C-alpha atoms as a PDB file:
ATOM      1  CA  MET A   1     118.832  99.789  68.871  1.00  0.00           C
ATOM      2  CA  PHE A   2     119.020 100.884  72.496  1.00  0.00           C
ATOM      3  CA  THR A   3     119.469  98.077  75.038  1.00  0.00           C
ATOM      4  CA  ASP A   4     119.618  98.130  78.845  1.00  0.00           C
ATOM      5  CA  LEU A   5     120.680  95.657  81.482  1.00  0.00           C
ATOM      6  CA  PRO A   6     117.812  94.725  83.800  1.00  0.00           C
ATOM      7  CA  GLU A   7     117.572  97.053  86.788  1.00  0.00           C
ATOM      8  CA  VAL A   8     115.596  96.413  89.961  1.00  0.00           C
ATOM      9  CA  ILE A   9     112.857  99.008  90.461  1.00  0.00           C
ATOM     10  CA  VAL A  10     110.786  97.163  93.132  1.00  0.00           C
ATOM     11  CA  TYR A  11     112.524  95.004  95.728  1.00  0.00           C
ATOM     12  CA  PRO A  12     110.849  92.138  97.603  1.00  0.00           C
ATOM     13  CA  GLU A  13     110.337  93.046 101.266  1.00  0.00           C
ATOM     14  CA  VAL A  14     111.169  91.173 104.471  1.00  0.00           C
ATOM     15  CA  GLN A  15     108.113  89.343 105.813  1.00  0.00           C
ATOM     16  CA  THR A  16     107.241  87.645 109.100  1.00  0.00           C
ATOM     17  CA  LYS A  17     104.287  85.272 108.971  1.00  0.00           C
ATOM     18  CA  THR A  18     102.657  82.647 111.182  1.00  0.00           C
ATOM     19  CA  GLU A  19     102.280  79.068 109.983  1.00  0.00           C
ATOM     20  CA  GLY A  20      99.140  78.681 107.874  1.00  0.00           C
ATOM     21  CA  GLU A  21      99.092  82.260 106.581  1.00  0.00           C
ATOM     22  CA  ASN A  22      99.703  83.320 102.973  1.00  0.00           C
ATOM     23  CA  VAL A  23     102.563  85.528 101.819  1.00  0.00           C
ATOM     24  CA  THR A  24     103.123  87.515  98.623  1.00  0.00           C
ATOM     25  CA  LEU A  25     106.525  88.872  97.619  1.00  0.00           C
ATOM     26  CA  SER A  26     106.786  91.397  94.797  1.00  0.00           C
ATOM     27  CA  CYS A  27     109.562  92.676  92.578  1.00  0.00           C
ATOM     28  CA  ASN A  28     109.896  94.475  89.278  1.00  0.00           C
ATOM     29  CA  PHE A  29     112.656  95.289  86.825  1.00  0.00           C
ATOM     30  CA  ALA A  30     113.234  97.749  84.026  1.00  0.00           C
ATOM     31  CA  GLY A  31     115.281  96.834  80.980  1.00  0.00           C
ATOM     32  CA  ASN A  32     115.268  96.720  77.205  1.00  0.00           C
ATOM     33  CA  PRO A  33     114.352  94.224  75.975  1.00  0.00           C
ATOM     34  CA  ALA A  34     111.933  93.551  78.831  1.00  0.00           C
ATOM     35  CA  PRO A  35     113.541  91.009  81.160  1.00  0.00           C
ATOM     36  CA  THR A  36     112.094  87.664  82.155  1.00  0.00           C
ATOM     37  CA  ILE A  37     111.780  87.186  85.918  1.00  0.00           C
ATOM     38  CA  SER A  38     112.483  84.121  88.030  1.00  0.00           C
ATOM     39  CA  TRP A  39     112.710  83.529  91.790  1.00  0.00           C
ATOM     40  CA  THR A  40     115.136  81.718  94.083  1.00  0.00           C
ATOM     41  CA  ARG A  41     114.925  80.567  97.703  1.00  0.00           C
ATOM     42  CA  ASN A  42     118.268  80.160  99.473  1.00  0.00           C
ATOM     43  CA  GLY A  43     119.922  80.176  96.034  1.00  0.00           C
ATOM     44  CA  SER A  44     117.780  77.416  94.499  1.00  0.00           C
ATOM     45  CA  PRO A  45     115.278  78.116  91.691  1.00  0.00           C
ATOM     46  CA  LEU A  46     111.579  78.127  92.610  1.00  0.00           C
ATOM     47  CA  SER A  47     108.854  76.754  90.392  1.00  0.00           C
ATOM     48  CA  THR A  48     105.093  76.525  90.603  1.00  0.00           C
ATOM     49  CA  THR A  49     103.863  73.856  93.018  1.00  0.00           C
ATOM     50  CA  GLY A  50     100.605  73.290  94.861  1.00  0.00           C
ATOM     51  CA  ARG A  51     101.358  76.122  97.318  1.00  0.00           C
ATOM     52  CA  ILE A  52     103.675  78.336  95.216  1.00  0.00           C
ATOM     53  CA  SER A  53     102.309  80.439  92.389  1.00  0.00           C
ATOM     54  CA  PHE A  54     103.437  83.387  90.294  1.00  0.00           C
ATOM     55  CA  LEU A  55     101.350  86.297  89.013  1.00  0.00           C
ATOM     56  CA  ASP A  56     101.862  89.260  86.706  1.00  0.00           C
ATOM     57  CA  GLY A  57     104.711  87.793  84.647  1.00  0.00           C
ATOM     58  CA  LYS A  58     106.342  86.399  87.817  1.00  0.00           C
ATOM     59  CA  LYS A  59     106.525  89.865  89.389  1.00  0.00           C
ATOM     60  CA  GLN A  60     104.592  88.400  92.342  1.00  0.00           C
ATOM     61  CA  LEU A  61     105.406  85.198  94.212  1.00  0.00           C
ATOM     62  CA  THR A  62     102.631  83.847  96.432  1.00  0.00           C
ATOM     63  CA  ILE A  63     103.006  81.013  98.932  1.00  0.00           C
ATOM     64  CA  THR A  64      99.815  79.750 100.529  1.00  0.00           C
ATOM     65  CA  ASN A  65      99.614  78.023 103.893  1.00  0.00           C
ATOM     66  CA  VAL A  66     103.240  78.807 104.800  1.00  0.00           C
ATOM     67  CA  SER A  67     105.210  76.500 107.084  1.00  0.00           C
ATOM     68  CA  LYS A  68     108.550  76.765 108.897  1.00  0.00           C
ATOM     69  CA  THR A  69     110.234  75.072 105.924  1.00  0.00           C
ATOM     70  CA  ASP A  70     109.312  78.086 103.741  1.00  0.00           C
ATOM     71  CA  SER A  71     111.545  80.361 105.843  1.00  0.00           C
ATOM     72  CA  GLY A  72     114.614  81.618 103.986  1.00  0.00           C
ATOM     73  CA  GLU A  73     116.095  84.207 101.639  1.00  0.00           C
ATOM     74  CA  TYR A  74     114.025  84.978  98.561  1.00  0.00           C
ATOM     75  CA  ARG A  75     115.422  86.847  95.576  1.00  0.00           C
ATOM     76  CA  CYS A  76     114.045  87.696  92.178  1.00  0.00           C
ATOM     77  CA  VAL A  77     116.281  87.484  89.125  1.00  0.00           C
ATOM     78  CA  ALA A  78     115.758  89.311  85.834  1.00  0.00           C
ATOM     79  CA  GLU A  79     117.430  88.339  82.601  1.00  0.00           C
ATOM     80  CA  ASN A  80     117.440  89.674  79.068  1.00  0.00           C
ATOM     81  CA  ASN A  81     119.870  89.289  76.175  1.00  0.00           C
ATOM     82  CA  VAL A  82     122.059  92.069  77.600  1.00  0.00           C
ATOM     83  CA  GLY A  83     122.609  90.451  80.998  1.00  0.00           C
ATOM     84  CA  ASN A  84     120.977  89.698  84.333  1.00  0.00           C
ATOM     85  CA  GLU A  85     120.406  91.306  87.700  1.00  0.00           C
ATOM     86  CA  THR A  86     119.454  89.830  91.079  1.00  0.00           C
ATOM     87  CA  SER A  87     117.529  91.676  93.785  1.00  0.00           C
ATOM     88  CA  ASN A  88     118.613  91.973  97.382  1.00  0.00           C
ATOM     89  CA  ALA A  89     117.407  89.123  99.582  1.00  0.00           C
ATOM     90  CA  ALA A  90     114.039  89.370 101.296  1.00  0.00           C
ATOM     91  CA  ASN A  91     113.982  87.167 104.375  1.00  0.00           C
ATOM     92  CA  LEU A  92     110.794  85.265 105.080  1.00  0.00           C
ATOM     93  CA  ASP A  93     110.519  84.250 108.719  1.00  0.00           C
ATOM     94  CA  VAL A  94     107.682  81.824 109.436  1.00  0.00           C
ATOM     95  CA  GLN A  95     106.764  81.562 113.122  1.00  0.00           C
ATOM     96  CA  ARG A  96     105.168  78.524 114.712  1.00  0.00           C
ATOM     97  CA  LYS A  97     101.479  78.784 115.435  1.00  0.00           C
ATOM     98  CA  TYR A  98     100.900  78.584 119.193  1.00  0.00           C
ATOM     99  CA  MET A  99      97.629  77.265 120.519  1.00  0.00           C
ATOM    100  CA  CYS A 100      96.260  78.941 123.644  1.00  0.00           C
ATOM    101  CA  GLY A 101      94.673  76.854 126.348  1.00  0.00           C
ATOM    102  CA  VAL A 102      95.955  73.521 125.095  1.00  0.00           C
END
């Protein structure tokens, strides 16, 4: 049986957002057997919360209503029984929302 280490084929991209906006980061891996995907922020695992969700087998990470505390380095990690691979970091920079005329 032919087996492959996971290999990144789509990297998450750097994003700059304003507080209150939504952001989606995407990644994808090849490998045999098909790898399972997880995400980290600043090295800590991410899980589904009220504002964080995953789509398409965790190939997409969506954060709604972003805030400054969501800024950081996001990476996706793929793992199968042959090994694991981690993507390059995609920096998310969340800017404060400025109110005009206040």
